[in-house]
Amino acid sequence: MLSIRDCLDYCDLTEDEVALIAEHEGIPDCAAAQMACGLVQTPEGVVLLTRYMLDLIEKADARGETDKATVARDLCSKFMTDHPLPH
């Protein structure tokens, strides 16, 4: 079984990005890392992971959790820079 470090090294995601995905999906970080490793390999997967992050930003904003929304927004921006989609 892969460790979370193995998954992070393979798919080039940060622990914080994986934590956002885990929160969105309601699963442990290790499971989210394994899932994200597969998704980040395709343009459709990158779009889905970005959507997860944007959903969390919207929910945090709606609840008035500005600090959480800011952190999620920064992570999403970094993710989108690190994993650009072809035009």
Protein backbone atom coordinates (compact mmCIF):
# COMPACT_ATOMS: atom_id res chain seq x y z
CA MET A 1 0.00 0.00 0.00
CA LEU A 2 1.25 3.46 -0.85
CA SER A 3 1.91 5.98 1.90
CA ILE A 4 0.65 9.54 1.65
CA ARG A 5 4.26 10.65 1.00
CA ASP A 6 4.52 8.18 -1.91
CA CYS A 7 1.35 9.59 -3.43
CA LEU A 8 2.41 13.20 -2.93
CA ASP A 9 5.79 12.55 -4.52
CA TYR A 10 4.19 10.79 -7.48
CA CYS A 11 1.46 13.31 -8.29
CA ASP A 12 3.17 16.57 -7.28
CA LEU A 13 0.41 17.74 -4.94
CA THR A 14 0.99 19.40 -1.60
CA GLU A 15 -0.30 18.04 1.68
CA ASP A 16 -2.54 21.12 1.95
CA GLU A 17 -4.05 20.51 -1.50
CA VAL A 18 -4.71 16.89 -0.56
CA ALA A 19 -6.28 18.03 2.72
CA LEU A 20 -8.74 20.21 0.77
CA ILE A 21 -9.66 17.27 -1.45
CA ALA A 22 -10.07 15.04 1.61
CA GLU A 23 -12.32 17.62 3.24
CA HIS A 24 -14.45 17.98 0.12
CA GLU A 25 -14.87 14.23 -0.27
CA GLY A 26 -15.11 13.45 3.43
CA ILE A 27 -12.32 10.86 3.24
CA PRO A 28 -8.94 10.43 4.98
CA ASP A 29 -5.97 12.31 3.56
CA CYS A 30 -4.25 9.11 2.42
CA ALA A 31 -7.32 8.04 0.43
CA ALA A 32 -7.61 11.55 -1.03
CA ALA A 33 -3.95 11.47 -2.05
CA GLN A 34 -4.41 8.17 -3.85
CA MET A 35 -7.55 9.41 -5.58
CA ALA A 36 -5.92 12.72 -6.56
CA CYS A 37 -2.87 10.92 -7.97
CA GLY A 38 -5.10 9.33 -10.57
CA LEU A 39 -7.20 12.40 -11.25
CA VAL A 40 -4.29 14.79 -11.72
CA GLN A 41 -3.06 12.64 -14.64
CA THR A 42 -5.87 13.80 -16.97
CA PRO A 43 -7.31 17.18 -17.96
CA GLU A 44 -10.76 16.02 -16.80
CA GLY A 45 -9.31 15.04 -13.44
CA VAL A 46 -7.59 18.41 -13.04
CA VAL A 47 -10.90 20.14 -13.79
CA LEU A 48 -12.64 17.97 -11.17
CA LEU A 49 -9.99 18.65 -8.51
CA THR A 50 -10.20 22.37 -9.25
CA ARG A 51 -14.00 22.19 -8.89
CA TYR A 52 -13.59 20.51 -5.49
CA MET A 53 -11.41 23.37 -4.34
CA LEU A 54 -13.75 26.02 -5.74
CA ASP A 55 -16.69 24.33 -3.97
CA LEU A 56 -14.86 24.57 -0.64
CA ILE A 57 -14.10 28.25 -1.26
CA GLU A 58 -17.78 28.94 -1.98
CA LYS A 59 -18.90 27.07 1.14
CA ALA A 60 -16.35 28.84 3.35
CA ASP A 61 -17.41 32.22 1.94
CA ALA A 62 -21.09 31.38 2.50
CA ARG A 63 -20.38 30.48 6.15
CA GLY A 64 -18.35 33.63 6.69
CA GLU A 65 -15.13 31.64 7.21
CA THR A 66 -12.92 34.23 5.53
CA ASP A 67 -9.60 32.81 6.76
CA LYS A 68 -10.49 29.34 5.49
CA ALA A 69 -11.71 30.75 2.17
CA THR A 70 -8.50 32.74 1.74
CA VAL A 71 -6.31 29.70 2.39
CA ALA A 72 -8.40 27.57 0.01
CA ARG A 73 -8.31 30.31 -2.63
CA ASP A 74 -4.52 30.52 -2.41
CA LEU A 75 -4.17 26.74 -2.64
CA CYS A 76 -6.54 26.58 -5.59
CA SER A 77 -4.62 29.32 -7.38
CA LYS A 78 -1.33 27.47 -6.83
CA PHE A 79 -2.90 24.20 -7.99
CA MET A 80 -4.18 25.84 -11.17
CA THR A 81 -0.72 27.33 -11.84
CA ASP A 82 1.03 24.02 -11.22
CA HIS A 83 -1.48 22.01 -13.28
CA PRO A 84 -2.54 24.21 -16.23
CA LEU A 85 -5.03 22.85 -18.68
CA PRO A 86 -4.23 22.89 -22.40
CA HIS A 87 -6.28 25.31 -24.44
